[in-house]
Amino acid sequence: MKISELTQGTGNVEIEAEIVGIEDTREINKMGRNLRVANATIRDDSGTMTLVLWNDAIDKVREGSKIKITNGYVNTWQSKLQLTLGKFGKMEVL
């Protein structure tokens, strides 16, 4: 798949991309659990998109990292599309 093909609700996303930027990590409390979250901007030859990174996934990548996402899904946050791994997705650093 390519970033340009992704739309709200797309599931089972398999994509390779490069991380071109990572925002500062934020700490949130979700249902009584303290979690870390950071938004990364990913790019392929068709466009860019936000990738939501949680907890340990944040520490695995840096700007310039090439990644492969398997079983990701697309949702919307504040009217912007974002790719997330969810419970079943995987991210591999290439």
PDB file of N, CA and C in Angstrom:
ATOM      1  N   MET A   1       0.845  -1.191   0.000  1.00  0.00           N
ATOM      2  CA  MET A   1       0.000   0.000   0.000  1.00  0.00           C
ATOM      3  C   MET A   1       0.883   1.244   0.000  1.00  0.00           C
ATOM      4  N   LYS A   2       0.304   2.317  -0.447  1.00  0.00           N
ATOM      5  CA  LYS A   2       0.960   3.618  -0.437  1.00  0.00           C
ATOM      6  C   LYS A   2       0.175   4.556   0.475  1.00  0.00           C
ATOM      7  N   ILE A   3       0.842   5.555   1.014  1.00  0.00           N
ATOM      8  CA  ILE A   3       0.186   6.519   1.897  1.00  0.00           C
ATOM      9  C   ILE A   3      -1.008   7.168   1.201  1.00  0.00           C
ATOM     10  N   SER A   4      -0.863   7.500  -0.081  1.00  0.00           N
ATOM     11  CA  SER A   4      -1.948   8.175  -0.808  1.00  0.00           C
ATOM     12  C   SER A   4      -3.209   7.317  -0.924  1.00  0.00           C
ATOM     13  N   GLU A   5      -3.095   6.011  -0.716  1.00  0.00           N
ATOM     14  CA  GLU A   5      -4.243   5.111  -0.815  1.00  0.00           C
ATOM     15  C   GLU A   5      -5.003   4.968   0.502  1.00  0.00           C
ATOM     16  N   LEU A   6      -4.446   5.469   1.581  1.00  0.00           N
ATOM     17  CA  LEU A   6      -5.041   5.257   2.901  1.00  0.00           C
ATOM     18  C   LEU A   6      -6.175   6.244   3.157  1.00  0.00           C
ATOM     19  N   THR A   7      -7.289   5.723   3.664  1.00  0.00           N
ATOM     20  CA  THR A   7      -8.447   6.542   3.993  1.00  0.00           C
ATOM     21  C   THR A   7      -8.965   6.139   5.367  1.00  0.00           C
ATOM     22  N   GLN A   8      -9.812   6.985   5.935  1.00  0.00           N
ATOM     23  CA  GLN A   8     -10.417   6.714   7.242  1.00  0.00           C
ATOM     24  C   GLN A   8     -10.999   5.304   7.277  1.00  0.00           C
ATOM     25  N   GLY A   9     -10.626   4.533   8.290  1.00  0.00           N
ATOM     26  CA  GLY A   9     -11.173   3.199   8.467  1.00  0.00           C
ATOM     27  C   GLY A   9     -10.410   2.100   7.758  1.00  0.00           C
ATOM     28  N   THR A  10      -9.394   2.452   6.962  1.00  0.00           N
ATOM     29  CA  THR A  10      -8.603   1.411   6.294  1.00  0.00           C
ATOM     30  C   THR A  10      -7.923   0.558   7.357  1.00  0.00           C
ATOM     31  N   GLY A  11      -8.099  -0.757   7.268  1.00  0.00           N
ATOM     32  CA  GLY A  11      -7.477  -1.675   8.213  1.00  0.00           C
ATOM     33  C   GLY A  11      -6.504  -2.589   7.505  1.00  0.00           C
ATOM     34  N   ASN A  12      -5.808  -3.390   8.287  1.00  0.00           N
ATOM     35  CA  ASN A  12      -4.836  -4.343   7.766  1.00  0.00           C
ATOM     36  C   ASN A  12      -3.822  -3.655   6.842  1.00  0.00           C
ATOM     37  N   VAL A  13      -3.368  -2.474   7.266  1.00  0.00           N
ATOM     38  CA  VAL A  13      -2.432  -1.684   6.469  1.00  0.00           C
ATOM     39  C   VAL A  13      -1.039  -2.286   6.545  1.00  0.00           C
ATOM     40  N   GLU A  14      -0.457  -2.518   5.389  1.00  0.00           N
ATOM     41  CA  GLU A  14       0.945  -2.927   5.309  1.00  0.00           C
ATOM     42  C   GLU A  14       1.649  -1.901   4.432  1.00  0.00           C
ATOM     43  N   ILE A  15       2.658  -1.248   5.020  1.00  0.00           N
ATOM     44  CA  ILE A  15       3.288  -0.135   4.321  1.00  0.00           C
ATOM     45  C   ILE A  15       4.748   0.008   4.751  1.00  0.00           C
ATOM     46  N   GLU A  16       5.586   0.440   3.836  1.00  0.00           N
ATOM     47  CA  GLU A  16       6.964   0.791   4.153  1.00  0.00           C
ATOM     48  C   GLU A  16       7.109   2.281   3.949  1.00  0.00           C
ATOM     49  N   ALA A  17       7.789   2.941   4.888  1.00  0.00           N
ATOM     50  CA  ALA A  17       7.929   4.394   4.821  1.00  0.00           C
ATOM     51  C   ALA A  17       9.181   4.819   5.586  1.00  0.00           C
ATOM     52  N   GLU A  18       9.492   6.109   5.470  1.00  0.00           N
ATOM     53  CA  GLU A  18      10.618   6.699   6.195  1.00  0.00           C
ATOM     54  C   GLU A  18      10.066   7.692   7.197  1.00  0.00           C
ATOM     55  N   ILE A  19      10.655   7.704   8.391  1.00  0.00           N
ATOM     56  CA  ILE A  19      10.267   8.689   9.393  1.00  0.00           C
ATOM     57  C   ILE A  19      11.021   9.982   9.092  1.00  0.00           C
ATOM     58  N   VAL A  20      10.265  11.055   8.855  1.00  0.00           N
ATOM     59  CA  VAL A  20      10.894  12.327   8.497  1.00  0.00           C
ATOM     60  C   VAL A  20      10.800  13.351   9.629  1.00  0.00           C
ATOM     61  N   GLY A  21      10.102  13.024  10.689  1.00  0.00           N
ATOM     62  CA  GLY A  21      10.026  13.914  11.841  1.00  0.00           C
ATOM     63  C   GLY A  21       9.303  13.242  12.989  1.00  0.00           C
ATOM     64  N   ILE A  22       9.703  13.581  14.212  1.00  0.00           N
ATOM     65  CA  ILE A  22       9.041  13.045  15.414  1.00  0.00           C
ATOM     66  C   ILE A  22       8.794  14.199  16.374  1.00  0.00           C
ATOM     67  N   GLU A  23       7.556  14.346  16.808  1.00  0.00           N
ATOM     68  CA  GLU A  23       7.218  15.375  17.790  1.00  0.00           C
ATOM     69  C   GLU A  23       7.671  14.932  19.173  1.00  0.00           C
ATOM     70  N   ASP A  24       7.682  15.871  20.109  1.00  0.00           N
ATOM     71  CA  ASP A  24       8.040  15.550  21.487  1.00  0.00           C
ATOM     72  C   ASP A  24       7.073  14.524  22.065  1.00  0.00           C
ATOM     73  N   THR A  25       7.606  13.663  22.913  1.00  0.00           N
ATOM     74  CA  THR A  25       6.797  12.652  23.592  1.00  0.00           C
ATOM     75  C   THR A  25       5.929  13.317  24.657  1.00  0.00           C
ATOM     76  N   ARG A  26       4.682  12.892  24.716  1.00  0.00           N
ATOM     77  CA  ARG A  26       3.757  13.373  25.738  1.00  0.00           C
ATOM     78  C   ARG A  26       3.394  12.214  26.658  1.00  0.00           C
ATOM     79  N   GLU A  27       3.071  12.529  27.897  1.00  0.00           N
ATOM     80  CA  GLU A  27       2.577  11.501  28.814  1.00  0.00           C
ATOM     81  C   GLU A  27       1.105  11.758  29.050  1.00  0.00           C
ATOM     82  N   ILE A  28       0.321  10.681  28.925  1.00  0.00           N
ATOM     83  CA  ILE A  28      -1.118  10.811  29.163  1.00  0.00           C
ATOM     84  C   ILE A  28      -1.559   9.720  30.137  1.00  0.00           C
ATOM     85  N   ASN A  29      -2.695   9.940  30.746  1.00  0.00           N
ATOM     86  CA  ASN A  29      -3.292   8.932  31.612  1.00  0.00           C
ATOM     87  C   ASN A  29      -4.553   8.449  30.926  1.00  0.00           C
ATOM     88  N   LYS A  30      -4.549   7.168  30.560  1.00  0.00           N
ATOM     89  CA  LYS A  30      -5.692   6.589  29.863  1.00  0.00           C
ATOM     90  C   LYS A  30      -6.214   5.430  30.702  1.00  0.00           C
ATOM     91  N   MET A  31      -7.419   5.579  31.190  1.00  0.00           N
ATOM     92  CA  MET A  31      -8.051   4.550  32.020  1.00  0.00           C
ATOM     93  C   MET A  31      -7.155   4.129  33.188  1.00  0.00           C
ATOM     94  N   GLY A  32      -6.540   5.105  33.836  1.00  0.00           N
ATOM     95  CA  GLY A  32      -5.718   4.820  35.011  1.00  0.00           C
ATOM     96  C   GLY A  32      -4.301   4.358  34.718  1.00  0.00           C
ATOM     97  N   ARG A  33      -3.929   4.297  33.445  1.00  0.00           N
ATOM     98  CA  ARG A  33      -2.565   3.875  33.073  1.00  0.00           C
ATOM     99  C   ARG A  33      -1.807   5.057  32.496  1.00  0.00           C
ATOM    100  N   ASN A  34      -0.575   5.240  32.942  1.00  0.00           N
ATOM    101  CA  ASN A  34       0.274   6.286  32.382  1.00  0.00           C
ATOM    102  C   ASN A  34       0.936   5.753  31.123  1.00  0.00           C
ATOM    103  N   LEU A  35       0.756   6.455  30.014  1.00  0.00           N
ATOM    104  CA  LEU A  35       1.275   6.027  28.714  1.00  0.00           C
ATOM    105  C   LEU A  35       2.072   7.166  28.090  1.00  0.00           C
ATOM    106  N   ARG A  36       3.021   6.795  27.233  1.00  0.00           N
ATOM    107  CA  ARG A  36       3.767   7.781  26.452  1.00  0.00           C
ATOM    108  C   ARG A  36       3.286   7.704  25.008  1.00  0.00           C
ATOM    109  N   VAL A  37       3.146   8.868  24.373  1.00  0.00           N
ATOM    110  CA  VAL A  37       2.697   8.916  22.983  1.00  0.00           C
ATOM    111  C   VAL A  37       3.466  10.008  22.250  1.00  0.00           C
ATOM    112  N   ALA A  38       3.776   9.750  20.988  1.00  0.00           N
ATOM    113  CA  ALA A  38       4.435  10.745  20.139  1.00  0.00           C
ATOM    114  C   ALA A  38       3.940  10.569  18.716  1.00  0.00           C
ATOM    115  N   ASN A  39       3.764  11.667  18.034  1.00  0.00           N
ATOM    116  CA  ASN A  39       3.368  11.625  16.628  1.00  0.00           C
ATOM    117  C   ASN A  39       4.620  11.733  15.767  1.00  0.00           C
ATOM    118  N   ALA A  40       4.700  10.858  14.782  1.00  0.00           N
ATOM    119  CA  ALA A  40       5.801  10.904  13.819  1.00  0.00           C
ATOM    120  C   ALA A  40       5.199  11.188  12.449  1.00  0.00           C
ATOM    121  N   THR A  41       5.955  11.874  11.620  1.00  0.00           N
ATOM    122  CA  THR A  41       5.544  12.069  10.237  1.00  0.00           C
ATOM    123  C   THR A  41       6.287  11.052   9.396  1.00  0.00           C
ATOM    124  N   ILE A  42       5.534  10.263   8.613  1.00  0.00           N
ATOM    125  CA  ILE A  42       6.151   9.272   7.734  1.00  0.00           C
ATOM    126  C   ILE A  42       5.934   9.684   6.282  1.00  0.00           C
ATOM    127  N   ARG A  43       6.831   9.211   5.411  1.00  0.00           N
ATOM    128  CA  ARG A  43       6.761   9.577   4.000  1.00  0.00           C
ATOM    129  C   ARG A  43       7.100   8.375   3.134  1.00  0.00           C
ATOM    130  N   ASP A  44       6.375   8.258   2.025  1.00  0.00           N
ATOM    131  CA  ASP A  44       6.775   7.356   0.947  1.00  0.00           C
ATOM    132  C   ASP A  44       6.705   8.175  -0.340  1.00  0.00           C
ATOM    133  N   ASP A  45       6.846   7.534  -1.474  1.00  0.00           N
ATOM    134  CA  ASP A  45       6.880   8.302  -2.720  1.00  0.00           C
ATOM    135  C   ASP A  45       5.517   8.857  -3.136  1.00  0.00           C
ATOM    136  N   SER A  46       4.460   8.587  -2.339  1.00  0.00           N
ATOM    137  CA  SER A  46       3.133   9.085  -2.688  1.00  0.00           C
ATOM    138  C   SER A  46       2.638  10.201  -1.767  1.00  0.00           C
ATOM    139  N   GLY A  47       3.334  10.421  -0.632  1.00  0.00           N
ATOM    140  CA  GLY A  47       2.887  11.467   0.276  1.00  0.00           C
ATOM    141  C   GLY A  47       3.384  11.283   1.696  1.00  0.00           C
ATOM    142  N   THR A  48       2.785  12.052   2.616  1.00  0.00           N
ATOM    143  CA  THR A  48       3.144  11.983   4.034  1.00  0.00           C
ATOM    144  C   THR A  48       1.892  11.746   4.871  1.00  0.00           C
ATOM    145  N   MET A  49       2.123  11.298   6.104  1.00  0.00           N
ATOM    146  CA  MET A  49       1.009  11.012   7.013  1.00  0.00           C
ATOM    147  C   MET A  49       1.550  10.971   8.442  1.00  0.00           C
ATOM    148  N   THR A  50       0.676  11.150   9.414  1.00  0.00           N
ATOM    149  CA  THR A  50       1.040  11.020  10.819  1.00  0.00           C
ATOM    150  C   THR A  50       0.966   9.558  11.238  1.00  0.00           C
ATOM    151  N   LEU A  51       2.001   9.102  11.923  1.00  0.00           N
ATOM    152  CA  LEU A  51       2.026   7.775  12.540  1.00  0.00           C
ATOM    153  C   LEU A  51       2.057   7.985  14.043  1.00  0.00           C
ATOM    154  N   VAL A  52       1.124   7.375  14.768  1.00  0.00           N
ATOM    155  CA  VAL A  52       1.064   7.501  16.216  1.00  0.00           C
ATOM    156  C   VAL A  52       1.921   6.395  16.833  1.00  0.00           C
ATOM    157  N   LEU A  53       2.898   6.802  17.635  1.00  0.00           N
ATOM    158  CA  LEU A  53       3.790   5.850  18.315  1.00  0.00           C
ATOM    159  C   LEU A  53       3.466   5.840  19.804  1.00  0.00           C
ATOM    160  N   TRP A  54       3.397   4.636  20.371  1.00  0.00           N
ATOM    161  CA  TRP A  54       3.092   4.487  21.795  1.00  0.00           C
ATOM    162  C   TRP A  54       4.245   3.804  22.510  1.00  0.00           C
ATOM    163  N   ASN A  55       4.539   4.244  23.710  1.00  0.00           N
ATOM    164  CA  ASN A  55       5.467   3.614  24.650  1.00  0.00           C
ATOM    165  C   ASN A  55       6.788   3.179  24.015  1.00  0.00           C
ATOM    166  N   ASP A  56       7.112   1.887  24.029  1.00  0.00           N
ATOM    167  CA  ASP A  56       8.412   1.399  23.561  1.00  0.00           C
ATOM    168  C   ASP A  56       8.663   1.669  22.079  1.00  0.00           C
ATOM    169  N   ALA A  57       7.612   1.766  21.276  1.00  0.00           N
ATOM    170  CA  ALA A  57       7.789   2.018  19.840  1.00  0.00           C
ATOM    171  C   ALA A  57       8.481   3.364  19.609  1.00  0.00           C
ATOM    172  N   ILE A  58       8.269   4.323  20.513  1.00  0.00           N
ATOM    173  CA  ILE A  58       8.892   5.645  20.390  1.00  0.00           C
ATOM    174  C   ILE A  58      10.413   5.520  20.399  1.00  0.00           C
ATOM    175  N   ASP A  59      10.925   4.640  21.261  1.00  0.00           N
ATOM    176  CA  ASP A  59      12.376   4.506  21.438  1.00  0.00           C
ATOM    177  C   ASP A  59      13.051   3.735  20.314  1.00  0.00           C
ATOM    178  N   LYS A  60      12.294   3.059  19.468  1.00  0.00           N
ATOM    179  CA  LYS A  60      12.868   2.219  18.416  1.00  0.00           C
ATOM    180  C   LYS A  60      13.236   2.986  17.153  1.00  0.00           C
ATOM    181  N   VAL A  61      12.722   4.201  17.006  1.00  0.00           N
ATOM    182  CA  VAL A  61      12.921   4.927  15.751  1.00  0.00           C
ATOM    183  C   VAL A  61      13.498   6.317  15.992  1.00  0.00           C
ATOM    184  N   ARG A  62      14.027   6.873  14.921  1.00  0.00           N
ATOM    185  CA  ARG A  62      14.479   8.257  14.932  1.00  0.00           C
ATOM    186  C   ARG A  62      14.272   8.816  13.530  1.00  0.00           C
ATOM    187  N   GLU A  63      14.474  10.087  13.358  1.00  0.00           N
ATOM    188  CA  GLU A  63      14.347  10.683  12.039  1.00  0.00           C
ATOM    189  C   GLU A  63      15.283   9.964  11.075  1.00  0.00           C
ATOM    190  N   GLY A  64      14.782   9.606   9.911  1.00  0.00           N
ATOM    191  CA  GLY A  64      15.584   8.880   8.927  1.00  0.00           C
ATOM    192  C   GLY A  64      15.398   7.377   8.972  1.00  0.00           C
ATOM    193  N   SER A  65      14.773   6.855  10.034  1.00  0.00           N
ATOM    194  CA  SER A  65      14.529   5.411  10.126  1.00  0.00           C
ATOM    195  C   SER A  65      13.570   4.978   9.033  1.00  0.00           C
ATOM    196  N   LYS A  66      13.856   3.828   8.425  1.00  0.00           N
ATOM    197  CA  LYS A  66      12.938   3.202   7.475  1.00  0.00           C
ATOM    198  C   LYS A  66      12.178   2.139   8.261  1.00  0.00           C
ATOM    199  N   ILE A  67      10.868   2.131   8.089  1.00  0.00           N
ATOM    200  CA  ILE A  67      10.036   1.215   8.867  1.00  0.00           C
ATOM    201  C   ILE A  67       9.073   0.459   7.967  1.00  0.00           C
ATOM    202  N   LYS A  68       8.611  -0.677   8.497  1.00  0.00           N
ATOM    203  CA  LYS A  68       7.550  -1.442   7.847  1.00  0.00           C
ATOM    204  C   LYS A  68       6.452  -1.635   8.882  1.00  0.00           C
ATOM    205  N   ILE A  69       5.243  -1.221   8.517  1.00  0.00           N
ATOM    206  CA  ILE A  69       4.074  -1.397   9.377  1.00  0.00           C
ATOM    207  C   ILE A  69       3.265  -2.563   8.831  1.00  0.00           C
ATOM    208  N   THR A  70       2.873  -3.470   9.716  1.00  0.00           N
ATOM    209  CA  THR A  70       2.023  -4.591   9.347  1.00  0.00           C
ATOM    210  C   THR A  70       0.786  -4.562  10.232  1.00  0.00           C
ATOM    211  N   ASN A  71      -0.381  -4.693   9.615  1.00  0.00           N
ATOM    212  CA  ASN A  71      -1.657  -4.744  10.321  1.00  0.00           C
ATOM    213  C   ASN A  71      -1.972  -3.451  11.077  1.00  0.00           C
ATOM    214  N   GLY A  72      -1.571  -2.320  10.504  1.00  0.00           N
ATOM    215  CA  GLY A  72      -1.945  -1.030  11.077  1.00  0.00           C
ATOM    216  C   GLY A  72      -3.355  -0.659  10.642  1.00  0.00           C
ATOM    217  N   TYR A  73      -3.861   0.453  11.177  1.00  0.00           N
ATOM    218  CA  TYR A  73      -5.154   0.940  10.716  1.00  0.00           C
ATOM    219  C   TYR A  73      -5.174   2.462  10.758  1.00  0.00           C
ATOM    220  N   VAL A  74      -6.088   3.021   9.982  1.00  0.00           N
ATOM    221  CA  VAL A  74      -6.187   4.472   9.840  1.00  0.00           C
ATOM    222  C   VAL A  74      -7.423   4.963  10.582  1.00  0.00           C
ATOM    223  N   ASN A  75      -7.217   5.986  11.411  1.00  0.00           N
ATOM    224  CA  ASN A  75      -8.348   6.650  12.044  1.00  0.00           C
ATOM    225  C   ASN A  75      -8.161   8.159  11.910  1.00  0.00           C
ATOM    226  N   THR A  76      -9.025   8.915  12.535  1.00  0.00           N
ATOM    227  CA  THR A  76      -8.931  10.365  12.456  1.00  0.00           C
ATOM    228  C   THR A  76      -8.840  10.948  13.856  1.00  0.00           C
ATOM    229  N   TRP A  77      -8.023  11.959  14.011  1.00  0.00           N
ATOM    230  CA  TRP A  77      -7.929  12.687  15.266  1.00  0.00           C
ATOM    231  C   TRP A  77      -7.913  14.155  14.903  1.00  0.00           C
ATOM    232  N   GLN A  78      -8.840  14.918  15.442  1.00  0.00           N
ATOM    233  CA  GLN A  78      -8.966  16.343  15.152  1.00  0.00           C
ATOM    234  C   GLN A  78      -8.984  16.597  13.641  1.00  0.00           C
ATOM    235  N   SER A  79      -9.783  15.813  12.949  1.00  0.00           N
ATOM    236  CA  SER A  79     -10.015  15.917  11.497  1.00  0.00           C
ATOM    237  C   SER A  79      -8.801  15.602  10.633  1.00  0.00           C
ATOM    238  N   LYS A  80      -7.776  14.980  11.207  1.00  0.00           N
ATOM    239  CA  LYS A  80      -6.605  14.607  10.418  1.00  0.00           C
ATOM    240  C   LYS A  80      -6.437  13.086  10.438  1.00  0.00           C
ATOM    241  N   LEU A  81      -6.131  12.500   9.271  1.00  0.00           N
ATOM    242  CA  LEU A  81      -5.880  11.061   9.204  1.00  0.00           C
ATOM    243  C   LEU A  81      -4.600  10.719   9.933  1.00  0.00           C
ATOM    244  N   GLN A  82      -4.606   9.585  10.601  1.00  0.00           N
ATOM    245  CA  GLN A  82      -3.380   9.101  11.243  1.00  0.00           C
ATOM    246  C   GLN A  82      -3.357   7.584  11.193  1.00  0.00           C
ATOM    247  N   LEU A  83      -2.145   7.075  11.091  1.00  0.00           N
ATOM    248  CA  LEU A  83      -1.918   5.634  11.070  1.00  0.00           C
ATOM    249  C   LEU A  83      -1.500   5.214  12.467  1.00  0.00           C
ATOM    250  N   THR A  84      -2.075   4.127  12.942  1.00  0.00           N
ATOM    251  CA  THR A  84      -1.730   3.633  14.273  1.00  0.00           C
ATOM    252  C   THR A  84      -1.587   2.116  14.231  1.00  0.00           C
ATOM    253  N   LEU A  85      -0.825   1.597  15.178  1.00  0.00           N
ATOM    254  CA  LEU A  85      -0.603   0.154  15.230  1.00  0.00           C
ATOM    255  C   LEU A  85      -1.724  -0.564  15.981  1.00  0.00           C
ATOM    256  N   GLY A  86      -2.314   0.110  16.949  1.00  0.00           N
ATOM    257  CA  GLY A  86      -3.347  -0.534  17.740  1.00  0.00           C
ATOM    258  C   GLY A  86      -2.790  -1.720  18.506  1.00  0.00           C
ATOM    259  N   LYS A  87      -3.645  -2.605  18.893  1.00  0.00           N
ATOM    260  CA  LYS A  87      -3.267  -3.756  19.705  1.00  0.00           C
ATOM    261  C   LYS A  87      -2.577  -4.840  18.879  1.00  0.00           C
ATOM    262  N   PHE A  88      -2.913  -4.957  17.600  1.00  0.00           N
ATOM    263  CA  PHE A  88      -2.460  -6.092  16.797  1.00  0.00           C
ATOM    264  C   PHE A  88      -1.441  -5.733  15.735  1.00  0.00           C
ATOM    265  N   GLY A  89      -1.172  -4.442  15.546  1.00  0.00           N
ATOM    266  CA  GLY A  89      -0.214  -4.028  14.519  1.00  0.00           C
ATOM    267  C   GLY A  89       1.226  -4.211  14.975  1.00  0.00           C
ATOM    268  N   LYS A  90       2.116  -4.252  13.994  1.00  0.00           N
ATOM    269  CA  LYS A  90       3.544  -4.403  14.285  1.00  0.00           C
ATOM    270  C   LYS A  90       4.328  -3.377  13.477  1.00  0.00           C
ATOM    271  N   MET A  91       5.447  -2.925  14.060  1.00  0.00           N
ATOM    272  CA  MET A  91       6.346  -2.028  13.364  1.00  0.00           C
ATOM    273  C   MET A  91       7.742  -2.632  13.404  1.00  0.00           C
ATOM    274  N   GLU A  92       8.347  -2.738  12.240  1.00  0.00           N
ATOM    275  CA  GLU A  92       9.702  -3.276  12.122  1.00  0.00           C
ATOM    276  C   GLU A  92      10.594  -2.167  11.572  1.00  0.00           C
ATOM    277  N   VAL A  93      11.750  -1.957  12.206  1.00  0.00           N
ATOM    278  CA  VAL A  93      12.720  -1.005  11.685  1.00  0.00           C
ATOM    279  C   VAL A  93      13.596  -1.745  10.694  1.00  0.00           C
ATOM    280  N   LEU A  94      13.655  -1.236   9.464  1.00  0.00           N
ATOM    281  CA  LEU A  94      14.380  -1.909   8.392  1.00  0.00           C
ATOM    282  C   LEU A  94      15.854  -1.525   8.365  1.00  0.00           C
TER     283      LEU A  94
END
